[in-house]
PDB file of all heavy atoms in Angstrom:
ATOM      1  N   SER A   1      18.457  18.643  17.539  1.00  0.00           N
ATOM      2  CA  SER A   1      18.924  17.851  16.367  1.00  0.00           C
ATOM      3  C   SER A   1      20.179  18.590  15.865  1.00  0.00           C
ATOM      4  O   SER A   1      20.341  18.564  14.485  1.00  0.00           O
ATOM      5  CB  SER A   1      17.879  17.839  15.225  1.00  0.00           C
ATOM      6  OG  SER A   1      16.675  17.211  15.824  1.00  0.00           O
ATOM      7  N   HIS A   2      21.032  19.048  16.620  1.00  0.00           N
ATOM      8  CA  HIS A   2      22.227  19.962  16.149  1.00  0.00           C
ATOM      9  C   HIS A   2      23.008  19.117  15.089  1.00  0.00           C
ATOM     10  O   HIS A   2      23.386  17.945  15.309  1.00  0.00           O
ATOM     11  CB  HIS A   2      23.038  20.248  17.299  1.00  0.00           C
ATOM     12  CG  HIS A   2      24.437  20.843  16.922  1.00  0.00           C
ATOM     13  ND1 HIS A   2      24.548  21.997  16.281  1.00  0.00           N
ATOM     14  CD2 HIS A   2      25.594  20.308  17.132  1.00  0.00           C
ATOM     15  CE1 HIS A   2      25.862  22.226  15.986  1.00  0.00           C
ATOM     16  NE2 HIS A   2      26.568  21.191  16.533  1.00  0.00           N
ATOM     17  N   GLY A   3      23.244  19.617  14.017  1.00  0.00           N
ATOM     18  CA  GLY A   3      24.192  19.106  12.984  1.00  0.00           C
ATOM     19  C   GLY A   3      23.603  18.098  12.012  1.00  0.00           C
ATOM     20  O   GLY A   3      24.238  17.522  11.180  1.00  0.00           O
ATOM     21  N   ASN A   4      22.327  17.693  12.310  1.00  0.00           N
ATOM     22  CA  ASN A   4      21.652  16.502  11.600  1.00  0.00           C
ATOM     23  C   ASN A   4      21.165  16.968  10.104  1.00  0.00           C
ATOM     24  O   ASN A   4      20.945  18.194   9.959  1.00  0.00           O
ATOM     25  CB  ASN A   4      20.515  15.992  12.253  1.00  0.00           C
ATOM     26  CG  ASN A   4      20.886  15.238  13.533  1.00  0.00           C
ATOM     27  OD1 ASN A   4      22.095  15.223  14.031  1.00  0.00           O
ATOM     28  ND2 ASN A   4      19.900  14.520  14.207  1.00  0.00           N
ATOM     29  N   HIS A   5      21.182  16.015   9.289  1.00  0.00           N
ATOM     30  CA  HIS A   5      20.437  16.225   7.993  1.00  0.00           C
ATOM     31  C   HIS A   5      19.007  16.672   8.204  1.00  0.00           C
ATOM     32  O   HIS A   5      18.431  16.217   9.159  1.00  0.00           O
ATOM     33  CB  HIS A   5      20.618  14.943   7.156  1.00  0.00           C
ATOM     34  CG  HIS A   5      20.111  15.052   5.768  1.00  0.00           C
ATOM     35  ND1 HIS A   5      18.873  15.039   5.382  1.00  0.00           N
ATOM     36  CD2 HIS A   5      20.875  15.424   4.648  1.00  0.00           C
ATOM     37  CE1 HIS A   5      18.787  15.060   4.077  1.00  0.00           C
ATOM     38  NE2 HIS A   5      19.987  15.490   3.559  1.00  0.00           N
ATOM     39  N   PHE A   6      18.469  17.468   7.287  1.00  0.00           N
ATOM     40  CA  PHE A   6      17.190  18.096   7.423  1.00  0.00           C
ATOM     41  C   PHE A   6      16.101  16.894   7.628  1.00  0.00           C
ATOM     42  O   PHE A   6      15.107  17.027   8.219  1.00  0.00           O
ATOM     43  CB  PHE A   6      16.762  18.971   6.332  1.00  0.00           C
ATOM     44  CG  PHE A   6      16.238  18.364   5.088  1.00  0.00           C
ATOM     45  CD1 PHE A   6      14.905  18.261   4.974  1.00  0.00           C
ATOM     46  CD2 PHE A   6      17.121  18.021   4.151  1.00  0.00           C
ATOM     47  CE1 PHE A   6      14.273  17.742   3.694  1.00  0.00           C
ATOM     48  CE2 PHE A   6      16.651  17.405   2.947  1.00  0.00           C
ATOM     49  CZ  PHE A   6      15.157  17.325   2.798  1.00  0.00           C
ATOM     50  N   SER A   7      16.371  15.695   6.998  1.00  0.00           N
ATOM     51  CA  SER A   7      15.433  14.582   7.025  1.00  0.00           C
ATOM     52  C   SER A   7      15.572  13.857   8.361  1.00  0.00           C
ATOM     53  O   SER A   7      14.719  12.826   8.624  1.00  0.00           O
ATOM     54  CB  SER A   7      15.618  13.606   5.867  1.00  0.00           C
ATOM     55  OG  SER A   7      16.875  12.918   6.061  1.00  0.00           O
ATOM     56  N   ASP A   8      16.442  14.208   9.243  1.00  0.00           N
ATOM     57  CA  ASP A   8      16.705  13.365  10.504  1.00  0.00           C
ATOM     58  C   ASP A   8      16.659  14.439  11.631  1.00  0.00           C
ATOM     59  O   ASP A   8      17.468  14.379  12.621  1.00  0.00           O
ATOM     60  CB  ASP A   8      18.227  12.924  10.398  1.00  0.00           C
ATOM     61  CG  ASP A   8      18.489  11.941  11.676  1.00  0.00           C
ATOM     62  OD1 ASP A   8      17.560  11.146  12.042  1.00  0.00           O
ATOM     63  OD2 ASP A   8      19.562  12.100  12.266  1.00  0.00           O
ATOM     64  N   ARG A   9      15.657  15.254  11.566  1.00  0.00           N
ATOM     65  CA  ARG A   9      15.442  16.225  12.617  1.00  0.00           C
ATOM     66  C   ARG A   9      14.062  16.142  13.129  1.00  0.00           C
ATOM     67  O   ARG A   9      13.065  15.701  12.479  1.00  0.00           O
ATOM     68  CB  ARG A   9      15.636  17.724  12.138  1.00  0.00           C
ATOM     69  CG  ARG A   9      17.140  17.965  11.886  1.00  0.00           C
ATOM     70  CD  ARG A   9      17.229  19.252  11.313  1.00  0.00           C
ATOM     71  NE  ARG A   9      18.786  19.616  11.136  1.00  0.00           N
ATOM     72  CZ  ARG A   9      19.356  20.374  11.960  1.00  0.00           C
ATOM     73  NH1 ARG A   9      18.787  20.952  13.056  1.00  0.00           N
ATOM     74  NH2 ARG A   9      20.654  20.513  11.883  1.00  0.00           N
ATOM     75  N   GLU A  10      13.874  16.552  14.515  1.00  0.00           N
ATOM     76  CA  GLU A  10      12.555  16.399  15.085  1.00  0.00           C
ATOM     77  C   GLU A  10      11.553  17.535  15.006  1.00  0.00           C
ATOM     78  O   GLU A  10      10.456  17.312  15.085  1.00  0.00           O
ATOM     79  CB  GLU A  10      12.871  16.082  16.630  1.00  0.00           C
ATOM     80  CG  GLU A  10      13.545  14.823  16.914  1.00  0.00           C
ATOM     81  CD  GLU A  10      13.575  14.518  18.335  1.00  0.00           C
ATOM     82  OE1 GLU A  10      12.617  14.874  19.170  1.00  0.00           O
ATOM     83  OE2 GLU A  10      14.604  13.924  18.921  1.00  0.00           O
ATOM     84  N   GLY A  11      12.247  18.706  14.694  1.00  0.00           N
ATOM     85  CA  GLY A  11      11.256  19.869  14.525  1.00  0.00           C
ATOM     86  C   GLY A  11      11.863  20.808  13.476  1.00  0.00           C
ATOM     87  O   GLY A  11      12.821  21.419  13.756  1.00  0.00           O
ATOM     88  N   LEU A  12      11.095  21.001  12.289  1.00  0.00           N
ATOM     89  CA  LEU A  12      11.530  21.953  11.309  1.00  0.00           C
ATOM     90  C   LEU A  12      10.293  22.661  10.849  1.00  0.00           C
ATOM     91  O   LEU A  12       9.064  22.212  10.932  1.00  0.00           O
ATOM     92  CB  LEU A  12      11.993  21.349  10.061  1.00  0.00           C
ATOM     93  CG  LEU A  12      13.519  20.717  10.183  1.00  0.00           C
ATOM     94  CD1 LEU A  12      13.905  20.061   8.881  1.00  0.00           C
ATOM     95  CD2 LEU A  12      14.544  21.780  10.646  1.00  0.00           C
ATOM     96  N   ILE A  13      10.455  23.917  10.389  1.00  0.00           N
ATOM     97  CA  ILE A  13       9.350  24.528   9.550  1.00  0.00           C
ATOM     98  C   ILE A  13       9.805  24.737   8.180  1.00  0.00           C
ATOM     99  O   ILE A  13      10.875  25.201   7.900  1.00  0.00           O
ATOM    100  CB  ILE A  13       9.069  26.018  10.219  1.00  0.00           C
ATOM    101  CG1 ILE A  13       8.554  25.861  11.644  1.00  0.00           C
ATOM    102  CG2 ILE A  13       8.148  26.768   9.340  1.00  0.00           C
ATOM    103  CD1 ILE A  13       8.292  27.077  12.283  1.00  0.00           C
ATOM    104  N   GLU A  14       9.090  24.267   7.253  1.00  0.00           N
ATOM    105  CA  GLU A  14       9.250  24.412   5.739  1.00  0.00           C
ATOM    106  C   GLU A  14       8.475  25.616   5.394  1.00  0.00           C
ATOM    107  O   GLU A  14       7.300  25.545   5.369  1.00  0.00           O
ATOM    108  CB  GLU A  14       8.874  23.078   5.115  1.00  0.00           C
ATOM    109  CG  GLU A  14       9.170  23.231   3.578  1.00  0.00           C
ATOM    110  CD  GLU A  14       8.537  22.006   2.805  1.00  0.00           C
ATOM    111  OE1 GLU A  14       8.099  21.059   3.407  1.00  0.00           O
ATOM    112  OE2 GLU A  14       8.573  22.013   1.579  1.00  0.00           O
ATOM    113  N   LEU A  15       9.246  26.524   4.677  1.00  0.00           N
ATOM    114  CA  LEU A  15       8.675  27.589   3.987  1.00  0.00           C
ATOM    115  C   LEU A  15       8.601  27.419   2.506  1.00  0.00           C
ATOM    116  O   LEU A  15       9.806  27.174   1.954  1.00  0.00           O
ATOM    117  CB  LEU A  15       9.336  28.960   4.442  1.00  0.00           C
ATOM    118  CG  LEU A  15       9.650  29.247   5.886  1.00  0.00           C
ATOM    119  CD1 LEU A  15      10.360  30.492   6.100  1.00  0.00           C
ATOM    120  CD2 LEU A  15       8.277  29.351   6.543  1.00  0.00           C
ATOM    121  N   THR A  16       7.521  27.616   2.025  1.00  0.00           N
ATOM    122  CA  THR A  16       7.402  27.470   0.414  1.00  0.00           C
ATOM    123  C   THR A  16       7.166  28.904  -0.179  1.00  0.00           C
ATOM    124  O   THR A  16       6.223  29.575   0.127  1.00  0.00           O
ATOM    125  CB  THR A  16       6.224  26.563   0.080  1.00  0.00           C
ATOM    126  OG1 THR A  16       6.504  25.267   0.547  1.00  0.00           O
ATOM    127  CG2 THR A  16       6.271  26.515  -1.530  1.00  0.00           C
ATOM    128  N   HIS A  17       8.084  29.348  -1.071  1.00  0.00           N
ATOM    129  CA  HIS A  17       7.965  30.602  -1.687  1.00  0.00           C
ATOM    130  C   HIS A  17       7.799  30.345  -3.179  1.00  0.00           C
ATOM    131  O   HIS A  17       8.557  29.851  -3.980  1.00  0.00           O
ATOM    132  CB  HIS A  17       9.211  31.427  -1.519  1.00  0.00           C
ATOM    133  CG  HIS A  17       9.289  32.570  -2.396  1.00  0.00           C
ATOM    134  ND1 HIS A  17      10.293  33.010  -3.303  1.00  0.00           N
ATOM    135  CD2 HIS A  17       8.272  33.514  -2.539  1.00  0.00           C
ATOM    136  CE1 HIS A  17      10.027  34.038  -3.910  1.00  0.00           C
ATOM    137  NE2 HIS A  17       8.878  34.547  -3.589  1.00  0.00           N
ATOM    138  N   ASN A  18       6.609  30.762  -3.704  1.00  0.00           N
ATOM    139  CA  ASN A  18       6.279  30.747  -5.115  1.00  0.00           C
ATOM    140  C   ASN A  18       6.684  32.120  -5.786  1.00  0.00           C
ATOM    141  O   ASN A  18       6.382  33.081  -5.314  1.00  0.00           O
ATOM    142  CB  ASN A  18       4.895  30.531  -5.326  1.00  0.00           C
ATOM    143  CG  ASN A  18       4.297  29.193  -4.798  1.00  0.00           C
ATOM    144  OD1 ASN A  18       4.590  28.194  -5.386  1.00  0.00           O
ATOM    145  ND2 ASN A  18       3.508  29.212  -3.784  1.00  0.00           N
ATOM    146  N   TYR A  19       7.529  31.909  -6.795  1.00  0.00           N
ATOM    147  CA  TYR A  19       8.177  33.083  -7.394  1.00  0.00           C
ATOM    148  C   TYR A  19       7.123  34.226  -7.697  1.00  0.00           C
ATOM    149  O   TYR A  19       6.103  33.808  -8.340  1.00  0.00           O
ATOM    150  CB  TYR A  19       9.011  32.830  -8.616  1.00  0.00           C
ATOM    151  CG  TYR A  19      10.057  31.794  -8.437  1.00  0.00           C
ATOM    152  CD1 TYR A  19      10.898  31.394  -9.503  1.00  0.00           C
ATOM    153  CD2 TYR A  19      10.433  31.334  -7.137  1.00  0.00           C
ATOM    154  CE1 TYR A  19      12.001  30.414  -9.260  1.00  0.00           C
ATOM    155  CE2 TYR A  19      11.647  30.428  -6.893  1.00  0.00           C
ATOM    156  CZ  TYR A  19      12.372  29.997  -8.111  1.00  0.00           C
ATOM    157  OH  TYR A  19      13.311  29.159  -8.011  1.00  0.00           O
ATOM    158  N   GLY A  20       7.446  35.276  -7.452  1.00  0.00           N
ATOM    159  CA  GLY A  20       6.618  36.548  -7.809  1.00  0.00           C
ATOM    160  C   GLY A  20       5.610  37.057  -6.764  1.00  0.00           C
ATOM    161  O   GLY A  20       5.164  38.130  -6.948  1.00  0.00           O
ATOM    162  N   THR A  21       5.287  36.220  -5.815  1.00  0.00           N
ATOM    163  CA  THR A  21       4.186  36.459  -4.826  1.00  0.00           C
ATOM    164  C   THR A  21       4.673  37.922  -4.023  1.00  0.00           C
ATOM    165  O   THR A  21       3.766  38.647  -3.725  1.00  0.00           O
ATOM    166  CB  THR A  21       3.906  35.439  -3.904  1.00  0.00           C
ATOM    167  OG1 THR A  21       5.131  35.035  -3.278  1.00  0.00           O
ATOM    168  CG2 THR A  21       3.274  34.254  -4.641  1.00  0.00           C
ATOM    169  N   GLU A  22       6.020  37.986  -3.821  1.00  0.00           N
ATOM    170  CA  GLU A  22       6.448  39.087  -3.185  1.00  0.00           C
ATOM    171  C   GLU A  22       6.145  40.480  -3.864  1.00  0.00           C
ATOM    172  O   GLU A  22       6.223  41.469  -3.191  1.00  0.00           O
ATOM    173  CB  GLU A  22       7.878  39.049  -2.835  1.00  0.00           C
ATOM    174  CG  GLU A  22       8.856  39.150  -3.979  1.00  0.00           C
ATOM    175  CD  GLU A  22       9.001  37.859  -4.756  1.00  0.00           C
ATOM    176  OE1 GLU A  22       8.273  36.943  -4.620  1.00  0.00           O
ATOM    177  OE2 GLU A  22       9.912  37.843  -5.663  1.00  0.00           O
ATOM    178  N   ASN A  23       5.909  40.380  -5.184  1.00  0.00           N
ATOM    179  CA  ASN A  23       5.700  41.536  -5.889  1.00  0.00           C
ATOM    180  C   ASN A  23       4.219  41.887  -6.380  1.00  0.00           C
ATOM    181  O   ASN A  23       3.745  42.725  -6.901  1.00  0.00           O
ATOM    182  CB  ASN A  23       6.352  41.585  -7.369  1.00  0.00           C
ATOM    183  CG  ASN A  23       7.975  41.421  -7.191  1.00  0.00           C
ATOM    184  OD1 ASN A  23       8.396  42.096  -6.289  1.00  0.00           O
ATOM    185  ND2 ASN A  23       8.617  40.586  -7.918  1.00  0.00           N
ATOM    186  N   ASP A  24       3.332  40.986  -5.756  1.00  0.00           N
ATOM    187  CA  ASP A  24       1.880  41.145  -5.808  1.00  0.00           C
ATOM    188  C   ASP A  24       1.330  41.694  -4.663  1.00  0.00           C
ATOM    189  O   ASP A  24       1.123  41.090  -3.663  1.00  0.00           O
ATOM    190  CB  ASP A  24       1.226  39.803  -6.198  1.00  0.00           C
ATOM    191  CG  ASP A  24      -0.152  39.861  -6.424  1.00  0.00           C
ATOM    192  OD1 ASP A  24      -0.724  41.006  -6.282  1.00  0.00           O
ATOM    193  OD2 ASP A  24      -0.869  38.814  -6.743  1.00  0.00           O
ATOM    194  N   PRO A  25       0.940  43.051  -4.624  1.00  0.00           N
ATOM    195  CA  PRO A  25       0.269  43.652  -3.457  1.00  0.00           C
ATOM    196  C   PRO A  25      -1.015  43.009  -2.962  1.00  0.00           C
ATOM    197  O   PRO A  25      -1.441  43.319  -1.804  1.00  0.00           O
ATOM    198  CB  PRO A  25       0.204  45.118  -3.834  1.00  0.00           C
ATOM    199  CG  PRO A  25       0.052  45.062  -5.393  1.00  0.00           C
ATOM    200  CD  PRO A  25       0.906  43.867  -5.786  1.00  0.00           C
ATOM    201  N   GLU A  26      -1.632  42.223  -3.885  1.00  0.00           N
ATOM    202  CA  GLU A  26      -2.918  41.646  -3.482  1.00  0.00           C
ATOM    203  C   GLU A  26      -2.795  40.194  -2.952  1.00  0.00           C
ATOM    204  O   GLU A  26      -3.807  39.618  -2.499  1.00  0.00           O
ATOM    205  CB  GLU A  26      -3.873  41.434  -4.833  1.00  0.00           C
ATOM    206  CG  GLU A  26      -4.098  42.916  -5.431  1.00  0.00           C
ATOM    207  CD  GLU A  26      -4.812  43.835  -4.456  1.00  0.00           C
ATOM    208  OE1 GLU A  26      -5.775  43.506  -3.793  1.00  0.00           O
ATOM    209  OE2 GLU A  26      -4.538  44.976  -4.512  1.00  0.00           O
ATOM    210  N   TYR A  27      -1.606  39.686  -3.029  1.00  0.00           N
ATOM    211  CA  TYR A  27      -1.339  38.229  -2.499  1.00  0.00           C
ATOM    212  C   TYR A  27      -1.415  38.242  -1.020  1.00  0.00           C
ATOM    213  O   TYR A  27      -0.797  38.985  -0.285  1.00  0.00           O
ATOM    214  CB  TYR A  27       0.067  37.789  -3.015  1.00  0.00           C
ATOM    215  CG  TYR A  27       0.240  36.355  -2.628  1.00  0.00           C
ATOM    216  CD1 TYR A  27      -0.201  35.212  -3.316  1.00  0.00           C
ATOM    217  CD2 TYR A  27       1.038  35.984  -1.519  1.00  0.00           C
ATOM    218  CE1 TYR A  27      -0.039  33.999  -3.004  1.00  0.00           C
ATOM    219  CE2 TYR A  27       1.123  34.715  -1.106  1.00  0.00           C
ATOM    220  CZ  TYR A  27       0.713  33.654  -1.853  1.00  0.00           C
ATOM    221  OH  TYR A  27       0.901  32.382  -1.547  1.00  0.00           O
ATOM    222  N   LYS A  28      -2.083  37.241  -0.533  1.00  0.00           N
ATOM    223  CA  LYS A  28      -2.189  36.882   0.928  1.00  0.00           C
ATOM    224  C   LYS A  28      -2.494  35.378   1.023  1.00  0.00           C
ATOM    225  O   LYS A  28      -3.155  34.832   0.129  1.00  0.00           O
ATOM    226  CB  LYS A  28      -3.009  37.750   1.692  1.00  0.00           C
ATOM    227  CG  LYS A  28      -4.471  37.617   1.256  1.00  0.00           C
ATOM    228  CD  LYS A  28      -5.411  38.476   2.197  1.00  0.00           C
ATOM    229  CE  LYS A  28      -6.882  38.278   1.896  1.00  0.00           C
ATOM    230  NZ  LYS A  28      -7.681  39.161   2.815  1.00  0.00           N
ATOM    231  N   VAL A  29      -2.048  34.851   2.162  1.00  0.00           N
ATOM    232  CA  VAL A  29      -2.258  33.434   2.416  1.00  0.00           C
ATOM    233  C   VAL A  29      -3.523  33.263   3.316  1.00  0.00           C
ATOM    234  O   VAL A  29      -3.894  34.237   3.941  1.00  0.00           O
ATOM    235  CB  VAL A  29      -1.028  32.774   3.014  1.00  0.00           C
ATOM    236  CG1 VAL A  29       0.115  32.881   2.247  1.00  0.00           C
ATOM    237  CG2 VAL A  29      -0.758  33.252   4.484  1.00  0.00           C
ATOM    238  N   SER A  30      -4.117  32.122   3.353  1.00  0.00           N
ATOM    239  CA  SER A  30      -5.120  31.804   4.360  1.00  0.00           C
ATOM    240  C   SER A  30      -4.492  31.141   5.596  1.00  0.00           C
ATOM    241  O   SER A  30      -3.804  30.185   5.391  1.00  0.00           O
ATOM    242  CB  SER A  30      -6.155  30.758   3.738  1.00  0.00           C
ATOM    243  OG  SER A  30      -7.071  30.337   4.735  1.00  0.00           O
ATOM    244  N   THR A  31      -4.572  31.844   6.725  1.00  0.00           N
ATOM    245  CA  THR A  31      -3.770  31.511   7.923  1.00  0.00           C
ATOM    246  C   THR A  31      -4.499  30.240   8.634  1.00  0.00           C
ATOM    247  O   THR A  31      -3.771  29.683   9.518  1.00  0.00           O
ATOM    248  CB  THR A  31      -3.649  32.566   8.903  1.00  0.00           C
ATOM    249  OG1 THR A  31      -4.920  32.891   9.332  1.00  0.00           O
ATOM    250  CG2 THR A  31      -3.100  33.843   8.252  1.00  0.00           C
ATOM    251  N   GLY A  32      -5.664  29.946   8.226  1.00  0.00           N
ATOM    252  CA  GLY A  32      -6.430  28.692   8.950  1.00  0.00           C
ATOM    253  C   GLY A  32      -7.066  29.204  10.196  1.00  0.00           C
ATOM    254  O   GLY A  32      -7.656  28.297  10.854  1.00  0.00           O
ATOM    255  N   ASN A  33      -7.175  30.451  10.675  1.00  0.00           N
ATOM    256  CA  ASN A  33      -7.796  30.996  11.747  1.00  0.00           C
ATOM    257  C   ASN A  33      -8.957  31.759  11.605  1.00  0.00           C
ATOM    258  O   ASN A  33      -9.473  32.343  12.479  1.00  0.00           O
ATOM    259  CB  ASN A  33      -6.703  31.701  12.769  1.00  0.00           C
ATOM    260  CG  ASN A  33      -5.702  30.626  13.204  1.00  0.00           C
ATOM    261  OD1 ASN A  33      -6.119  29.597  13.860  1.00  0.00           O
ATOM    262  ND2 ASN A  33      -4.391  30.920  12.942  1.00  0.00           N
ATOM    263  N   THR A  34      -9.379  31.964  10.386  1.00  0.00           N
ATOM    264  CA  THR A  34     -10.600  32.813  10.086  1.00  0.00           C
ATOM    265  C   THR A  34     -11.715  32.006   9.329  1.00  0.00           C
ATOM    266  O   THR A  34     -11.299  31.189   8.562  1.00  0.00           O
ATOM    267  CB  THR A  34     -10.245  34.070   9.322  1.00  0.00           C
ATOM    268  OG1 THR A  34      -9.593  33.622   8.016  1.00  0.00           O
ATOM    269  CG2 THR A  34      -9.336  34.899   9.944  1.00  0.00           C
ATOM    270  N   GLU A  35     -12.862  32.257   9.565  1.00  0.00           N
ATOM    271  CA  GLU A  35     -13.916  31.483   9.081  1.00  0.00           C
ATOM    272  C   GLU A  35     -14.154  32.212   7.611  1.00  0.00           C
ATOM    273  O   GLU A  35     -13.854  33.302   7.331  1.00  0.00           O
ATOM    274  CB  GLU A  35     -15.373  31.752   9.749  1.00  0.00           C
ATOM    275  CG  GLU A  35     -15.246  31.124  11.174  1.00  0.00           C
ATOM    276  CD  GLU A  35     -15.267  29.473  11.128  1.00  0.00           C
ATOM    277  OE1 GLU A  35     -15.190  29.030   9.974  1.00  0.00           O
ATOM    278  OE2 GLU A  35     -15.368  28.961  12.281  1.00  0.00           O
ATOM    279  N   PRO A  36     -14.585  31.378   6.630  1.00  0.00           N
ATOM    280  CA  PRO A  36     -14.911  29.996   6.775  1.00  0.00           C
ATOM    281  C   PRO A  36     -13.721  28.985   6.443  1.00  0.00           C
ATOM    282  O   PRO A  36     -14.069  27.868   6.002  1.00  0.00           O
ATOM    283  CB  PRO A  36     -16.056  29.884   5.700  1.00  0.00           C
ATOM    284  CG  PRO A  36     -15.590  30.725   4.539  1.00  0.00           C
ATOM    285  CD  PRO A  36     -14.878  31.846   5.192  1.00  0.00           C
ATOM    286  N   HIS A  37     -12.625  29.395   6.672  1.00  0.00           N
ATOM    287  CA  HIS A  37     -11.496  28.574   6.133  1.00  0.00           C
ATOM    288  C   HIS A  37     -10.539  28.073   7.402  1.00  0.00           C
ATOM    289  O   HIS A  37      -9.367  27.990   7.177  1.00  0.00           O
ATOM    290  CB  HIS A  37     -10.669  29.282   5.044  1.00  0.00           C
ATOM    291  CG  HIS A  37     -11.409  29.644   3.925  1.00  0.00           C
ATOM    292  ND1 HIS A  37     -11.657  31.043   3.530  1.00  0.00           N
ATOM    293  CD2 HIS A  37     -12.157  28.994   3.081  1.00  0.00           C
ATOM    294  CE1 HIS A  37     -12.428  31.039   2.595  1.00  0.00           C
ATOM    295  NE2 HIS A  37     -12.806  29.767   2.166  1.00  0.00           N
ATOM    296  N   LYS A  38     -11.225  27.793   8.495  1.00  0.00           N
ATOM    297  CA  LYS A  38     -10.382  27.341   9.568  1.00  0.00           C
ATOM    298  C   LYS A  38      -9.911  25.845   9.492  1.00  0.00           C
ATOM    299  O   LYS A  38     -10.593  25.153   8.803  1.00  0.00           O
ATOM    300  CB  LYS A  38     -11.236  27.385  10.921  1.00  0.00           C
ATOM    301  CG  LYS A  38     -11.294  28.768  11.573  1.00  0.00           C
ATOM    302  CD  LYS A  38     -11.980  28.796  12.929  1.00  0.00           C
ATOM    303  CE  LYS A  38     -11.890  30.150  13.577  1.00  0.00           C
ATOM    304  NZ  LYS A  38     -12.404  30.094  15.035  1.00  0.00           N
ATOM    305  N   GLY A  39      -8.784  25.606   9.931  1.00  0.00           N
ATOM    306  CA  GLY A  39      -8.192  24.319   9.915  1.00  0.00           C
ATOM    307  C   GLY A  39      -6.936  24.316  10.599  1.00  0.00           C
ATOM    308  O   GLY A  39      -6.841  23.932  11.816  1.00  0.00           O
ATOM    309  N   PHE A  40      -5.769  24.529   9.971  1.00  0.00           N
ATOM    310  CA  PHE A  40      -4.438  24.678  10.557  1.00  0.00           C
ATOM    311  C   PHE A  40      -4.646  25.848  11.568  1.00  0.00           C
ATOM    312  O   PHE A  40      -5.267  26.939  11.242  1.00  0.00           O
ATOM    313  CB  PHE A  40      -3.334  25.104   9.408  1.00  0.00           C
ATOM    314  CG  PHE A  40      -2.237  25.575   9.973  1.00  0.00           C
ATOM    315  CD1 PHE A  40      -1.218  24.854  10.783  1.00  0.00           C
ATOM    316  CD2 PHE A  40      -1.713  26.949   9.820  1.00  0.00           C
ATOM    317  CE1 PHE A  40       0.021  25.320  11.181  1.00  0.00           C
ATOM    318  CE2 PHE A  40      -0.670  27.547  10.394  1.00  0.00           C
ATOM    319  CZ  PHE A  40       0.246  26.661  10.991  1.00  0.00           C
ATOM    320  N   GLY A  41      -3.949  25.672  12.669  1.00  0.00           N
ATOM    321  CA  GLY A  41      -4.008  26.752  13.754  1.00  0.00           C
ATOM    322  C   GLY A  41      -2.675  27.478  13.946  1.00  0.00           C
ATOM    323  O   GLY A  41      -2.732  28.679  13.840  1.00  0.00           O
ATOM    324  N   HIS A  42      -1.635  26.812  14.187  1.00  0.00           N
ATOM    325  CA  HIS A  42      -0.365  27.573  14.545  1.00  0.00           C
ATOM    326  C   HIS A  42       0.789  26.556  14.532  1.00  0.00           C
ATOM    327  O   HIS A  42       0.667  25.381  14.592  1.00  0.00           O
ATOM    328  CB  HIS A  42      -0.454  28.205  15.802  1.00  0.00           C
ATOM    329  CG  HIS A  42      -0.766  27.390  17.035  1.00  0.00           C
ATOM    330  ND1 HIS A  42      -1.987  27.233  17.569  1.00  0.00           N
ATOM    331  CD2 HIS A  42       0.015  26.634  17.766  1.00  0.00           C
ATOM    332  CE1 HIS A  42      -1.946  26.344  18.652  1.00  0.00           C
ATOM    333  NE2 HIS A  42      -0.749  25.972  18.667  1.00  0.00           N
ATOM    334  N   THR A  43       2.009  27.066  14.520  1.00  0.00           N
ATOM    335  CA  THR A  43       3.173  26.368  14.982  1.00  0.00           C
ATOM    336  C   THR A  43       3.538  26.938  16.425  1.00  0.00           C
ATOM    337  O   THR A  43       2.816  27.954  16.845  1.00  0.00           O
ATOM    338  CB  THR A  43       4.455  26.709  14.009  1.00  0.00           C
ATOM    339  OG1 THR A  43       4.549  28.171  13.951  1.00  0.00           O
ATOM    340  CG2 THR A  43       4.200  26.251  12.608  1.00  0.00           C
ATOM    341  N   CYS A  44       4.415  26.299  17.076  1.00  0.00           N
ATOM    342  CA  CYS A  44       4.706  26.711  18.435  1.00  0.00           C
ATOM    343  C   CYS A  44       6.188  26.642  18.778  1.00  0.00           C
ATOM    344  O   CYS A  44       6.774  25.487  18.435  1.00  0.00           O
ATOM    345  CB  CYS A  44       3.847  25.669  19.494  1.00  0.00           C
ATOM    346  SG  CYS A  44       4.307  26.088  21.236  1.00  0.00           S
TER     347      CYS A  44
END
């Protein structure tokens, strides 16, 4: 999709950053691969 608008592409990864999480040593995300919160698996 070289040169295309982001809405006209076949494969993108969207990263969402909530302000301040980078300064919280306790913050972590649920990756979707550990019980009991399995769901999303991976990108490829």
